[in-house]
Every structure is written in C-alpha cells, then in structure tokens.
C-alpha cells in the first residue's frame, strides 16, 4: 500500500500523474460557491429566481444572479423570460449538457450522505 492508504506507485520511482485539464476545469466550474447546489436544485425541473433562492437558502440575490450567468455561459443552464401581464418572470432550467451531470450529482449526493457530516 502507498502512504496515501491505497495501492499505487512508489513516490520515489514514478512521476505524479498530471490532472486532466478538462477535469480540472469542470471541478472548478461546478465547485464554485453555490454552483453545485444550484445545479442540484434544477435537476427536478425549471425554477424561477425566487424558487431557486428558497431551494438554496443563504445565498444573496447578487451571488445567485452571478452564478446563474456563469452556468448559462458554460451551457449548463438555460434562462427563459416569460412575459405576461405587468410582470416579467424568468425561469432557469438545465440544458442537455446540464442534465448530463445528473449521474455525477447523484453520485456525489450519495457519497455525501454516507461520508460527509455537517
């Protein structure tokens, strides 16, 4: 066993494996503060801004707005404006690319339930 607890290479004989830049970029995107929680909240379907705030409590309006823009620019979230009457309502939903993260999010949720205690 290696010093890290698992079987593996000797630290003295091999170079460490470089982190895949695609993996690193994805982790940086969904690992930003609140981003993963926003994506998880949207897995059940579209939500309006106020519903997202309720689903992910503790986040300011400006931070939620900023994260939604980042996730939209990354192609994970779609913003839809619904005009009707005096008010304009905006809803957010996962794109196909965003939905493709659902197995990952489910796996992380399962891991967290077993191993992460808050």
PDB file of N, CA and C in Angstrom:
ATOM      1  N   UNK A   1       0.834  -1.186   0.000  1.00  0.00           N
ATOM      2  CA  UNK A   1       0.000   0.000   0.000  1.00  0.00           C
ATOM      3  C   UNK A   1       0.873   1.241   0.000  1.00  0.00           C
ATOM      4  N   UNK A   2       0.406   2.269  -0.660  1.00  0.00           N
ATOM      5  CA  UNK A   2       1.140   3.527  -0.680  1.00  0.00           C
ATOM      6  C   UNK A   2       0.836   4.309   0.586  1.00  0.00           C
ATOM      7  N   UNK A   3       1.627   5.343   0.896  1.00  0.00           N
ATOM      8  CA  UNK A   3       1.379   6.154   2.099  1.00  0.00           C
ATOM      9  C   UNK A   3       0.007   6.797   2.113  1.00  0.00           C
ATOM     10  N   UNK A   4      -0.629   6.970   0.961  1.00  0.00           N
ATOM     11  CA  UNK A   4      -1.953   7.593   0.902  1.00  0.00           C
ATOM     12  C   UNK A   4      -3.079   6.665   1.290  1.00  0.00           C
ATOM     13  N   UNK A   5      -2.750   5.371   1.560  1.00  0.00           N
ATOM     14  CA  UNK A   5      -3.788   4.463   2.014  1.00  0.00           C
ATOM     15  C   UNK A   5      -4.259   3.489   0.963  1.00  0.00           C
ATOM     16  N   UNK A   6      -3.855   3.628  -0.274  1.00  0.00           N
ATOM     17  CA  UNK A   6      -4.290   2.713  -1.314  1.00  0.00           C
ATOM     18  C   UNK A   6      -3.101   2.132  -2.039  1.00  0.00           C
ATOM     19  N   UNK A   7      -3.363   1.104  -2.808  1.00  0.00           N
ATOM     20  CA  UNK A   7      -2.285   0.527  -3.604  1.00  0.00           C
ATOM     21  C   UNK A   7      -1.905   1.529  -4.678  1.00  0.00           C
ATOM     22  N   UNK A   8      -0.656   1.584  -5.021  1.00  0.00           N
ATOM     23  CA  UNK A   8      -0.256   2.531  -6.051  1.00  0.00           C
ATOM     24  C   UNK A   8       1.230   2.553  -6.257  1.00  0.00           C
ATOM     25  N   UNK A   9       1.682   3.526  -6.979  1.00  0.00           N
ATOM     26  CA  UNK A   9       3.086   3.640  -7.323  1.00  0.00           C
ATOM     27  C   UNK A   9       3.892   4.138  -6.134  1.00  0.00           C
ATOM     28  N   UNK A  10       5.157   3.882  -6.180  1.00  0.00           N
ATOM     29  CA  UNK A  10       6.059   4.401  -5.159  1.00  0.00           C
ATOM     30  C   UNK A  10       6.337   5.853  -5.467  1.00  0.00           C
ATOM     31  N   UNK A  11       6.317   6.686  -4.471  1.00  0.00           N
ATOM     32  CA  UNK A  11       6.587   8.112  -4.682  1.00  0.00           C
ATOM     33  C   UNK A  11       8.013   8.356  -5.131  1.00  0.00           C
ATOM     34  N   UNK A  12       8.903   7.442  -4.871  1.00  0.00           N
ATOM     35  CA  UNK A  12      10.307   7.626  -5.224  1.00  0.00           C
ATOM     36  C   UNK A  12      10.614   7.194  -6.647  1.00  0.00           C
ATOM     37  N   UNK A  13       9.752   6.408  -7.268  1.00  0.00           N
ATOM     38  CA  UNK A  13      10.094   5.844  -8.565  1.00  0.00           C
ATOM     39  C   UNK A  13       9.306   6.389  -9.745  1.00  0.00           C
ATOM     40  N   UNK A  14       8.205   7.060  -9.523  1.00  0.00           N
ATOM     41  CA  UNK A  14       7.382   7.500 -10.647  1.00  0.00           C
ATOM     42  C   UNK A  14       6.987   8.964 -10.501  1.00  0.00           C
ATOM     43  N   UNK A  15       6.797   9.582 -11.664  1.00  0.00           N
ATOM     44  CA  UNK A  15       6.309  10.962 -11.666  1.00  0.00           C
ATOM     45  C   UNK A  15       4.819  10.962 -11.352  1.00  0.00           C
ATOM     46  N   UNK A  16       4.359  11.971 -10.651  1.00  0.00           N
ATOM     47  CA  UNK A  16       2.913  12.042 -10.390  1.00  0.00           C
ATOM     48  C   UNK A  16       2.148  12.281 -11.687  1.00  0.00           C
ATOM     49  N   UNK A  17       0.985  11.704 -11.759  1.00  0.00           N
ATOM     50  CA  UNK A  17       0.121  11.879 -12.932  1.00  0.00           C
ATOM     51  C   UNK A  17      -0.412  13.306 -12.934  1.00  0.00           C
ATOM     52  N   UNK A  18      -0.385  13.958 -14.082  1.00  0.00           N
ATOM     53  CA  UNK A  18      -0.927  15.312 -14.183  1.00  0.00           C
ATOM     54  C   UNK A  18      -2.447  15.260 -14.213  1.00  0.00           C
ATOM     55  N   UNK A  19      -3.051  16.243 -13.579  1.00  0.00           N
ATOM     56  CA  UNK A  19      -4.504  16.339 -13.569  1.00  0.00           C
ATOM     57  C   UNK A  19      -4.973  16.738 -14.961  1.00  0.00           C
ATOM     58  N   UNK A  20      -5.988  16.036 -15.450  1.00  0.00           N
ATOM     59  CA  UNK A  20      -6.575  16.344 -16.761  1.00  0.00           C
ATOM     60  C   UNK A  20      -7.130  17.765 -16.727  1.00  0.00           C
ATOM     61  N   UNK A  21      -6.756  18.606 -17.692  1.00  0.00           N
ATOM     62  CA  UNK A  21      -7.248  19.990 -17.679  1.00  0.00           C
ATOM     63  C   UNK A  21      -8.771  20.078 -17.830  1.00  0.00           C
ATOM     64  N   UNK A  22      -9.377  19.127 -18.516  1.00  0.00           N
ATOM     65  CA  UNK A  22     -10.837  19.136 -18.666  1.00  0.00           C
ATOM     66  C   UNK A  22     -11.499  18.843 -17.326  1.00  0.00           C
ATOM     67  N   UNK A  23     -10.965  17.844 -16.611  1.00  0.00           N
ATOM     68  CA  UNK A  23     -11.476  17.522 -15.280  1.00  0.00           C
ATOM     69  C   UNK A  23     -11.315  18.723 -14.348  1.00  0.00           C
ATOM     70  N   UNK A  24     -10.151  19.318 -14.382  1.00  0.00           N
ATOM     71  CA  UNK A  24      -9.870  20.453 -13.505  1.00  0.00           C
ATOM     72  C   UNK A  24     -10.832  21.615 -13.782  1.00  0.00           C
ATOM     73  N   UNK A  25     -11.045  21.913 -15.048  1.00  0.00           N
ATOM     74  CA  UNK A  25     -11.968  22.991 -15.409  1.00  0.00           C
ATOM     75  C   UNK A  25     -13.393  22.708 -14.955  1.00  0.00           C
ATOM     76  N   UNK A  26     -13.831  21.451 -15.101  1.00  0.00           N
ATOM     77  CA  UNK A  26     -15.191  21.082 -14.688  1.00  0.00           C
ATOM     78  C   UNK A  26     -15.346  21.191 -13.177  1.00  0.00           C
ATOM     79  N   UNK A  27     -14.353  20.715 -12.440  1.00  0.00           N
ATOM     80  CA  UNK A  27     -14.415  20.791 -10.983  1.00  0.00           C
ATOM     81  C   UNK A  27     -14.407  22.250 -10.519  1.00  0.00           C
ATOM     82  N   UNK A  28     -13.604  23.073 -11.173  1.00  0.00           N
ATOM     83  CA  UNK A  28     -13.565  24.493 -10.816  1.00  0.00           C
ATOM     84  C   UNK A  28     -14.909  25.165 -11.081  1.00  0.00           C
ATOM     85  N   UNK A  29     -15.585  24.790 -12.164  1.00  0.00           N
ATOM     86  CA  UNK A  29     -16.872  25.394 -12.501  1.00  0.00           C
ATOM     87  C   UNK A  29     -17.954  24.963 -11.516  1.00  0.00           C
ATOM     88  N   UNK A  30     -18.164  23.664 -11.363  1.00  0.00           N
ATOM     89  CA  UNK A  30     -19.265  23.219 -10.505  1.00  0.00           C
ATOM     90  C   UNK A  30     -18.911  23.290  -9.025  1.00  0.00           C
ATOM     91  N   UNK A  31     -17.620  23.478  -8.728  1.00  0.00           N
ATOM     92  CA  UNK A  31     -17.201  23.595  -7.343  1.00  0.00           C
ATOM     93  C   UNK A  31     -17.199  25.019  -6.816  1.00  0.00           C
ATOM     94  N   UNK A  32     -17.537  25.982  -7.664  1.00  0.00           N
ATOM     95  CA  UNK A  32     -17.625  27.364  -7.175  1.00  0.00           C
ATOM     96  C   UNK A  32     -18.730  27.446  -6.138  1.00  0.00           C
ATOM     97  N   UNK A  33     -18.565  28.386  -5.235  1.00  0.00           N
ATOM     98  CA  UNK A  33     -19.534  28.521  -4.145  1.00  0.00           C
ATOM     99  C   UNK A  33     -20.960  28.602  -4.680  1.00  0.00           C
ATOM    100  N   UNK A  34     -21.799  27.706  -4.244  1.00  0.00           N
ATOM    101  CA  UNK A  34     -23.222  27.592  -4.560  1.00  0.00           C
ATOM    102  C   UNK A  34     -23.523  26.992  -5.925  1.00  0.00           C
ATOM    103  N   UNK A  35     -22.568  26.896  -6.830  1.00  0.00           N
ATOM    104  CA  UNK A  35     -22.860  26.426  -8.192  1.00  0.00           C
ATOM    105  C   UNK A  35     -23.413  25.006  -8.188  1.00  0.00           C
ATOM    106  N   UNK A  36     -22.781  24.110  -7.446  1.00  0.00           N
ATOM    107  CA  UNK A  36     -23.259  22.734  -7.383  1.00  0.00           C
ATOM    108  C   UNK A  36     -24.653  22.641  -6.798  1.00  0.00           C
ATOM    109  N   UNK A  37     -24.925  23.436  -5.774  1.00  0.00           N
ATOM    110  CA  UNK A  37     -26.247  23.445  -5.146  1.00  0.00           C
ATOM    111  C   UNK A  37     -27.313  23.962  -6.124  1.00  0.00           C
ATOM    112  N   UNK A  38     -26.970  24.962  -6.906  1.00  0.00           N
ATOM    113  CA  UNK A  38     -27.908  25.495  -7.913  1.00  0.00           C
ATOM    114  C   UNK A  38     -28.213  24.420  -8.945  1.00  0.00           C
ATOM    115  N   UNK A  39     -27.179  23.768  -9.452  1.00  0.00           N
ATOM    116  CA  UNK A  39     -27.373  22.708 -10.445  1.00  0.00           C
ATOM    117  C   UNK A  39     -28.227  21.586  -9.864  1.00  0.00           C
ATOM    118  N   UNK A  40     -27.940  21.199  -8.632  1.00  0.00           N
ATOM    119  CA  UNK A  40     -28.699  20.132  -7.983  1.00  0.00           C
ATOM    120  C   UNK A  40     -30.172  20.527  -7.850  1.00  0.00           C
ATOM    121  N   UNK A  41     -30.434  21.763  -7.458  1.00  0.00           N
ATOM    122  CA  UNK A  41     -31.819  22.239  -7.306  1.00  0.00           C
ATOM    123  C   UNK A  41     -32.574  22.185  -8.630  1.00  0.00           C
ATOM    124  N   UNK A  42     -31.873  22.392  -9.721  1.00  0.00           N
ATOM    125  CA  UNK A  42     -32.521  22.410 -11.040  1.00  0.00           C
ATOM    126  C   UNK A  42     -32.717  21.016 -11.641  1.00  0.00           C
ATOM    127  N   UNK A  43     -32.228  19.976 -10.974  1.00  0.00           N
ATOM    128  CA  UNK A  43     -32.386  18.628 -11.538  1.00  0.00           C
ATOM    129  C   UNK A  43     -33.844  18.177 -11.556  1.00  0.00           C
ATOM    130  N   UNK A  44     -34.690  18.769 -10.716  1.00  0.00           N
ATOM    131  CA  UNK A  44     -36.110  18.395 -10.700  1.00  0.00           C
ATOM    132  C   UNK A  44     -36.941  19.168 -11.714  1.00  0.00           C
ATOM    133  N   UNK A  45     -36.340  20.139 -12.381  1.00  0.00           N
ATOM    134  CA  UNK A  45     -37.074  20.894 -13.385  1.00  0.00           C
ATOM    135  C   UNK A  45     -36.852  22.382 -13.234  1.00  0.00           C
ATOM    136  N   UNK A  46     -37.453  23.171 -14.133  1.00  0.00           N
ATOM    137  CA  UNK A  46     -37.258  24.610 -14.129  1.00  0.00           C
ATOM    138  C   UNK A  46     -37.721  25.267 -12.828  1.00  0.00           C
ATOM    139  N   UNK A  47     -37.006  26.309 -12.435  1.00  0.00           N
ATOM    140  CA  UNK A  47     -37.366  27.096 -11.259  1.00  0.00           C
ATOM    141  C   UNK A  47     -37.222  28.576 -11.566  1.00  0.00           C
ATOM    142  N   UNK A  48     -38.093  29.376 -10.945  1.00  0.00           N
ATOM    143  CA  UNK A  48     -37.947  30.826 -11.026  1.00  0.00           C
ATOM    144  C   UNK A  48     -36.878  31.259 -10.031  1.00  0.00           C
ATOM    145  N   UNK A  49     -36.407  32.480 -10.185  1.00  0.00           N
ATOM    146  CA  UNK A  49     -35.334  33.013  -9.347  1.00  0.00           C
ATOM    147  C   UNK A  49     -35.666  32.859  -7.858  1.00  0.00           C
ATOM    148  N   UNK A  50     -36.878  33.271  -7.464  1.00  0.00           N
ATOM    149  CA  UNK A  50     -37.280  33.200  -6.049  1.00  0.00           C
ATOM    150  C   UNK A  50     -37.329  31.757  -5.562  1.00  0.00           C
ATOM    151  N   UNK A  51     -37.732  30.846  -6.426  1.00  0.00           N
ATOM    152  CA  UNK A  51     -37.773  29.431  -6.047  1.00  0.00           C
ATOM    153  C   UNK A  51     -36.367  28.880  -5.841  1.00  0.00           C
ATOM    154  N   UNK A  52     -35.434  29.328  -6.678  1.00  0.00           N
ATOM    155  CA  UNK A  52     -34.039  28.919  -6.501  1.00  0.00           C
ATOM    156  C   UNK A  52     -33.483  29.436  -5.182  1.00  0.00           C
ATOM    157  N   UNK A  53     -33.806  30.684  -4.851  1.00  0.00           N
ATOM    158  CA  UNK A  53     -33.356  31.254  -3.566  1.00  0.00           C
ATOM    159  C   UNK A  53     -33.901  30.446  -2.399  1.00  0.00           C
ATOM    160  N   UNK A  54     -35.129  29.992  -2.529  1.00  0.00           N
ATOM    161  CA  UNK A  54     -35.733  29.184  -1.476  1.00  0.00           C
ATOM    162  C   UNK A  54     -35.103  27.788  -1.414  1.00  0.00           C
ATOM    163  N   UNK A  55     -34.787  27.224  -2.574  1.00  0.00           N
ATOM    164  CA  UNK A  55     -34.192  25.886  -2.633  1.00  0.00           C
ATOM    165  C   UNK A  55     -32.769  25.865  -2.099  1.00  0.00           C
ATOM    166  N   UNK A  56     -32.067  26.985  -2.245  1.00  0.00           N
ATOM    167  CA  UNK A  56     -30.669  27.088  -1.797  1.00  0.00           C
ATOM    168  C   UNK A  56     -30.573  28.290  -0.858  1.00  0.00           C
ATOM    169  N   UNK A  57     -31.032  28.139   0.391  1.00  0.00           N
ATOM    170  CA  UNK A  57     -31.066  29.285   1.312  1.00  0.00           C
ATOM    171  C   UNK A  57     -29.667  29.759   1.699  1.00  0.00           C
ATOM    172  N   UNK A  58     -29.592  31.053   2.021  1.00  0.00           N
ATOM    173  CA  UNK A  58     -28.338  31.617   2.488  1.00  0.00           C
ATOM    174  C   UNK A  58     -27.527  32.325   1.423  1.00  0.00           C
ATOM    175  N   UNK A  59     -28.025  32.359   0.218  1.00  0.00           N
ATOM    176  CA  UNK A  59     -27.312  32.971  -0.896  1.00  0.00           C
ATOM    177  C   UNK A  59     -27.920  34.343  -1.206  1.00  0.00           C
ATOM    178  N   UNK A  60     -27.080  35.323  -1.437  1.00  0.00           N
ATOM    179  CA  UNK A  60     -27.586  36.653  -1.777  1.00  0.00           C
ATOM    180  C   UNK A  60     -28.122  36.670  -3.206  1.00  0.00           C
ATOM    181  N   UNK A  61     -29.000  37.624  -3.492  1.00  0.00           N
ATOM    182  CA  UNK A  61     -29.542  37.775  -4.846  1.00  0.00           C
ATOM    183  C   UNK A  61     -28.427  37.995  -5.860  1.00  0.00           C
ATOM    184  N   UNK A  62     -27.456  38.840  -5.506  1.00  0.00           N
ATOM    185  CA  UNK A  62     -26.391  39.157  -6.470  1.00  0.00           C
ATOM    186  C   UNK A  62     -25.515  37.941  -6.749  1.00  0.00           C
ATOM    187  N   UNK A  63     -25.236  37.122  -5.729  1.00  0.00           N
ATOM    188  CA  UNK A  63     -24.422  35.934  -5.960  1.00  0.00           C
ATOM    189  C   UNK A  63     -25.190  34.905  -6.778  1.00  0.00           C
ATOM    190  N   UNK A  64     -26.471  34.721  -6.486  1.00  0.00           N
ATOM    191  CA  UNK A  64     -27.286  33.801  -7.273  1.00  0.00           C
ATOM    192  C   UNK A  64     -27.319  34.241  -8.727  1.00  0.00           C
ATOM    193  N   UNK A  65     -27.540  35.517  -8.953  1.00  0.00           N
ATOM    194  CA  UNK A  65     -27.573  36.052 -10.311  1.00  0.00           C
ATOM    195  C   UNK A  65     -26.236  35.825 -11.024  1.00  0.00           C
ATOM    196  N   UNK A  66     -25.146  36.081 -10.321  1.00  0.00           N
ATOM    197  CA  UNK A  66     -23.810  35.904 -10.900  1.00  0.00           C
ATOM    198  C   UNK A  66     -23.555  34.445 -11.262  1.00  0.00           C
ATOM    199  N   UNK A  67     -23.876  33.533 -10.346  1.00  0.00           N
ATOM    200  CA  UNK A  67     -23.645  32.102 -10.613  1.00  0.00           C
ATOM    201  C   UNK A  67     -24.517  31.618 -11.766  1.00  0.00           C
ATOM    202  N   UNK A  68     -25.759  32.069 -11.815  1.00  0.00           N
ATOM    203  CA  UNK A  68     -26.635  31.670 -12.916  1.00  0.00           C
ATOM    204  C   UNK A  68     -26.075  32.126 -14.257  1.00  0.00           C
ATOM    205  N   UNK A  69     -25.528  33.326 -14.298  1.00  0.00           N
ATOM    206  CA  UNK A  69     -24.912  33.816 -15.544  1.00  0.00           C
ATOM    207  C   UNK A  69     -23.720  32.966 -15.932  1.00  0.00           C
ATOM    208  N   UNK A  70     -22.891  32.597 -14.962  1.00  0.00           N
ATOM    209  CA  UNK A  70     -21.733  31.735 -15.243  1.00  0.00           C
ATOM    210  C   UNK A  70     -22.176  30.369 -15.768  1.00  0.00           C
ATOM    211  N   UNK A  71     -23.179  29.800 -15.138  1.00  0.00           N
ATOM    212  CA  UNK A  71     -23.660  28.485 -15.553  1.00  0.00           C
ATOM    213  C   UNK A  71     -24.334  28.550 -16.919  1.00  0.00           C
ATOM    214  N   UNK A  72     -24.981  29.674 -17.199  1.00  0.00           N
ATOM    215  CA  UNK A  72     -25.585  29.873 -18.523  1.00  0.00           C
ATOM    216  C   UNK A  72     -24.493  30.002 -19.586  1.00  0.00           C
ATOM    217  N   UNK A  73     -23.459  30.780 -19.288  1.00  0.00           N
ATOM    218  CA  UNK A  73     -22.347  30.943 -20.235  1.00  0.00           C
ATOM    219  C   UNK A  73     -21.624  29.626 -20.493  1.00  0.00           C
ATOM    220  N   UNK A  74     -21.597  28.749 -19.498  1.00  0.00           N
ATOM    221  CA  UNK A  74     -20.953  27.446 -19.641  1.00  0.00           C
ATOM    222  C   UNK A  74     -21.851  26.446 -20.370  1.00  0.00           C
ATOM    223  N   UNK A  75     -23.086  26.852 -20.648  1.00  0.00           N
ATOM    224  CA  UNK A  75     -24.004  25.979 -21.376  1.00  0.00           C
ATOM    225  C   UNK A  75     -24.704  24.947 -20.516  1.00  0.00           C
ATOM    226  N   UNK A  76     -24.690  25.131 -19.195  1.00  0.00           N
ATOM    227  CA  UNK A  76     -25.322  24.174 -18.284  1.00  0.00           C
ATOM    228  C   UNK A  76     -26.741  24.562 -17.918  1.00  0.00           C
ATOM    229  N   UNK A  77     -27.040  25.855 -17.977  1.00  0.00           N
ATOM    230  CA  UNK A  77     -28.350  26.382 -17.579  1.00  0.00           C
ATOM    231  C   UNK A  77     -28.903  27.254 -18.694  1.00  0.00           C
ATOM    232  N   UNK A  78     -30.203  27.139 -18.908  1.00  0.00           N
ATOM    233  CA  UNK A  78     -30.908  27.970 -19.893  1.00  0.00           C
ATOM    234  C   UNK A  78     -31.817  28.924 -19.127  1.00  0.00           C
ATOM    235  N   UNK A  79     -31.789  30.174 -19.540  1.00  0.00           N
ATOM    236  CA  UNK A  79     -32.631  31.222 -18.945  1.00  0.00           C
ATOM    237  C   UNK A  79     -33.775  31.490 -19.904  1.00  0.00           C
ATOM    238  N   UNK A  80     -34.997  31.472 -19.374  1.00  0.00           N
ATOM    239  CA  UNK A  80     -36.164  31.732 -20.218  1.00  0.00           C
ATOM    240  C   UNK A  80     -36.992  32.854 -19.618  1.00  0.00           C
ATOM    241  N   UNK A  81     -37.249  33.875 -20.425  1.00  0.00           N
ATOM    242  CA  UNK A  81     -38.046  35.020 -19.993  1.00  0.00           C
ATOM    243  C   UNK A  81     -39.490  34.789 -20.416  1.00  0.00           C
ATOM    244  N   UNK A  82     -40.404  34.902 -19.438  1.00  0.00           N
ATOM    245  CA  UNK A  82     -41.828  34.733 -19.712  1.00  0.00           C
ATOM    246  C   UNK A  82     -42.513  36.066 -19.466  1.00  0.00           C
ATOM    247  N   UNK A  83     -42.979  36.646 -20.542  1.00  0.00           N
ATOM    248  CA  UNK A  83     -43.671  37.928 -20.425  1.00  0.00           C
ATOM    249  C   UNK A  83     -45.163  37.671 -20.404  1.00  0.00           C
ATOM    250  N   UNK A  84     -45.811  38.282 -19.462  1.00  0.00           N
ATOM    251  CA  UNK A  84     -47.259  38.130 -19.358  1.00  0.00           C
ATOM    252  C   UNK A  84     -47.784  39.078 -18.302  1.00  0.00           C
ATOM    253  N   UNK A  85     -48.676  39.917 -18.712  1.00  0.00           N
ATOM    254  CA  UNK A  85     -49.222  40.871 -17.756  1.00  0.00           C
ATOM    255  C   UNK A  85     -48.222  41.951 -17.420  1.00  0.00           C
ATOM    256  N   UNK A  86     -48.263  42.398 -16.184  1.00  0.00           N
ATOM    257  CA  UNK A  86     -47.416  43.504 -15.756  1.00  0.00           C
ATOM    258  C   UNK A  86     -45.993  43.054 -15.409  1.00  0.00           C
ATOM    259  N   UNK A  87     -45.854  41.776 -15.040  1.00  0.00           N
ATOM    260  CA  UNK A  87     -44.546  41.307 -14.588  1.00  0.00           C
ATOM    261  C   UNK A  87     -43.878  40.403 -15.615  1.00  0.00           C
ATOM    262  N   UNK A  88     -42.575  40.484 -15.633  1.00  0.00           N
ATOM    263  CA  UNK A  88     -41.775  39.567 -16.435  1.00  0.00           C
ATOM    264  C   UNK A  88     -41.202  38.547 -15.464  1.00  0.00           C
ATOM    265  N   UNK A  89     -41.399  37.283 -15.764  1.00  0.00           N
ATOM    266  CA  UNK A  89     -40.855  36.219 -14.915  1.00  0.00           C
ATOM    267  C   UNK A  89     -39.760  35.497 -15.673  1.00  0.00           C
ATOM    268  N   UNK A  90     -38.736  35.151 -14.960  1.00  0.00           N
ATOM    269  CA  UNK A  90     -37.602  34.448 -15.551  1.00  0.00           C
ATOM    270  C   UNK A  90     -37.475  33.097 -14.873  1.00  0.00           C
ATOM    271  N   UNK A  91     -37.359  32.063 -15.689  1.00  0.00           N
ATOM    272  CA  UNK A  91     -37.129  30.736 -15.119  1.00  0.00           C
ATOM    273  C   UNK A  91     -35.793  30.211 -15.633  1.00  0.00           C
ATOM    274  N   UNK A  92     -35.264  29.268 -14.898  1.00  0.00           N
ATOM    275  CA  UNK A  92     -33.977  28.661 -15.227  1.00  0.00           C
ATOM    276  C   UNK A  92     -34.156  27.156 -15.249  1.00  0.00           C
ATOM    277  N   UNK A  93     -33.510  26.514 -16.210  1.00  0.00           N
ATOM    278  CA  UNK A  93     -33.566  25.062 -16.296  1.00  0.00           C
ATOM    279  C   UNK A  93     -32.243  24.540 -16.824  1.00  0.00           C
ATOM    280  N   UNK A  94     -31.999  23.267 -16.564  1.00  0.00           N
ATOM    281  CA  UNK A  94     -30.782  22.647 -17.062  1.00  0.00           C
ATOM    282  C   UNK A  94     -30.900  22.418 -18.557  1.00  0.00           C
ATOM    283  N   UNK A  95     -29.808  22.605 -19.253  1.00  0.00           N
ATOM    284  CA  UNK A  95     -29.720  22.255 -20.668  1.00  0.00           C
ATOM    285  C   UNK A  95     -29.424  20.755 -20.760  1.00  0.00           C
ATOM    286  N   UNK A  96     -29.318  20.247 -21.963  1.00  0.00           N
ATOM    287  CA  UNK A  96     -28.926  18.848 -22.140  1.00  0.00           C
ATOM    288  C   UNK A  96     -27.557  18.607 -21.500  1.00  0.00           C
ATOM    289  N   UNK A  97     -26.664  19.549 -21.689  1.00  0.00           N
ATOM    290  CA  UNK A  97     -25.333  19.461 -21.087  1.00  0.00           C
ATOM    291  C   UNK A  97     -25.441  19.461 -19.559  1.00  0.00           C
ATOM    292  N   UNK A  98     -26.309  20.291 -19.015  1.00  0.00           N
ATOM    293  CA  UNK A  98     -26.520  20.331 -17.570  1.00  0.00           C
ATOM    294  C   UNK A  98     -27.117  19.033 -17.054  1.00  0.00           C
ATOM    295  N   UNK A  99     -28.111  18.499 -17.788  1.00  0.00           N
ATOM    296  CA  UNK A  99     -28.721  17.227 -17.390  1.00  0.00           C
ATOM    297  C   UNK A  99     -27.714  16.086 -17.410  1.00  0.00           C
ATOM    298  N   UNK A 100     -26.701  16.195 -18.259  1.00  0.00           N
ATOM    299  CA  UNK A 100     -25.703  15.122 -18.328  1.00  0.00           C
ATOM    300  C   UNK A 100     -24.898  15.017 -17.031  1.00  0.00           C
ATOM    301  N   UNK A 101     -24.967  16.032 -16.173  1.00  0.00           N
ATOM    302  CA  UNK A 101     -24.294  15.999 -14.872  1.00  0.00           C
ATOM    303  C   UNK A 101     -25.108  15.271 -13.802  1.00  0.00           C
ATOM    304  N   UNK A 102     -26.360  14.929 -14.087  1.00  0.00           N
ATOM    305  CA  UNK A 102     -27.219  14.333 -13.065  1.00  0.00           C
ATOM    306  C   UNK A 102     -26.627  13.066 -12.439  1.00  0.00           C
ATOM    307  N   UNK A 103     -26.053  12.138 -13.215  1.00  0.00           N
ATOM    308  CA  UNK A 103     -25.456  10.961 -12.560  1.00  0.00           C
ATOM    309  C   UNK A 103     -24.293  11.336 -11.634  1.00  0.00           C
ATOM    310  N   UNK A 104     -23.539  12.339 -12.022  1.00  0.00           N
ATOM    311  CA  UNK A 104     -22.426  12.807 -11.191  1.00  0.00           C
ATOM    312  C   UNK A 104     -22.967  13.427  -9.911  1.00  0.00           C
ATOM    313  N   UNK A 105     -23.995  14.270 -10.052  1.00  0.00           N
ATOM    314  CA  UNK A 105     -24.591  14.928  -8.885  1.00  0.00           C
ATOM    315  C   UNK A 105     -25.215  13.887  -7.951  1.00  0.00           C
ATOM    316  N   UNK A 106     -25.875  12.887  -8.519  1.00  0.00           N
ATOM    317  CA  UNK A 106     -26.465  11.824  -7.704  1.00  0.00           C
ATOM    318  C   UNK A 106     -25.398  11.025  -6.965  1.00  0.00           C
ATOM    319  N   UNK A 107     -24.309  10.745  -7.659  1.00  0.00           N
ATOM    320  CA  UNK A 107     -23.209  10.028  -7.017  1.00  0.00           C
ATOM    321  C   UNK A 107     -22.594  10.836  -5.893  1.00  0.00           C
ATOM    322  N   UNK A 108     -22.424  12.124  -6.103  1.00  0.00           N
ATOM    323  CA  UNK A 108     -21.873  12.991  -5.067  1.00  0.00           C
ATOM    324  C   UNK A 108     -22.836  13.094  -3.881  1.00  0.00           C
ATOM    325  N   UNK A 109     -24.131  13.182  -4.180  1.00  0.00           N
ATOM    326  CA  UNK A 109     -25.146  13.215  -3.114  1.00  0.00           C
ATOM    327  C   UNK A 109     -25.062  11.935  -2.275  1.00  0.00           C
ATOM    328  N   UNK A 110     -24.974  10.781  -2.942  1.00  0.00           N
ATOM    329  CA  UNK A 110     -24.892   9.512  -2.224  1.00  0.00           C
ATOM    330  C   UNK A 110     -23.632   9.448  -1.375  1.00  0.00           C
ATOM    331  N   UNK A 111     -22.517   9.878  -1.935  1.00  0.00           N
ATOM    332  CA  UNK A 111     -21.261   9.898  -1.191  1.00  0.00           C
ATOM    333  C   UNK A 111     -21.392  10.803   0.041  1.00  0.00           C
ATOM    334  N   UNK A 112     -21.968  11.986  -0.159  1.00  0.00           N
ATOM    335  CA  UNK A 112     -22.109  12.946   0.937  1.00  0.00           C
ATOM    336  C   UNK A 112     -22.994  12.390   2.052  1.00  0.00           C
ATOM    337  N   UNK A 113     -24.060  11.706   1.688  1.00  0.00           N
ATOM    338  CA  UNK A 113     -24.951  11.128   2.705  1.00  0.00           C
ATOM    339  C   UNK A 113     -24.223  10.085   3.547  1.00  0.00           C
ATOM    340  N   UNK A 114     -23.317   9.363   2.934  1.00  0.00           N
ATOM    341  CA  UNK A 114     -22.597   8.330   3.673  1.00  0.00           C
ATOM    342  C   UNK A 114     -21.383   8.862   4.422  1.00  0.00           C
ATOM    343  N   UNK A 115     -20.653   9.799   3.817  1.00  0.00           N
ATOM    344  CA  UNK A 115     -19.359  10.173   4.359  1.00  0.00           C
ATOM    345  C   UNK A 115     -19.237  11.581   4.911  1.00  0.00           C
ATOM    346  N   UNK A 116     -20.055  12.495   4.458  1.00  0.00           N
ATOM    347  CA  UNK A 116     -19.892  13.892   4.871  1.00  0.00           C
ATOM    348  C   UNK A 116     -20.926  14.252   5.924  1.00  0.00           C
ATOM    349  N   UNK A 117     -20.459  14.631   7.048  1.00  0.00           N
ATOM    350  CA  UNK A 117     -21.367  15.023   8.123  1.00  0.00           C
ATOM    351  C   UNK A 117     -21.205  16.513   8.372  1.00  0.00           C
ATOM    352  N   UNK A 118     -22.323  17.242   8.358  1.00  0.00           N
ATOM    353  CA  UNK A 118     -22.249  18.689   8.579  1.00  0.00           C
ATOM    354  C   UNK A 118     -22.503  19.025  10.022  1.00  0.00           C
TER     355      UNK A 118
END
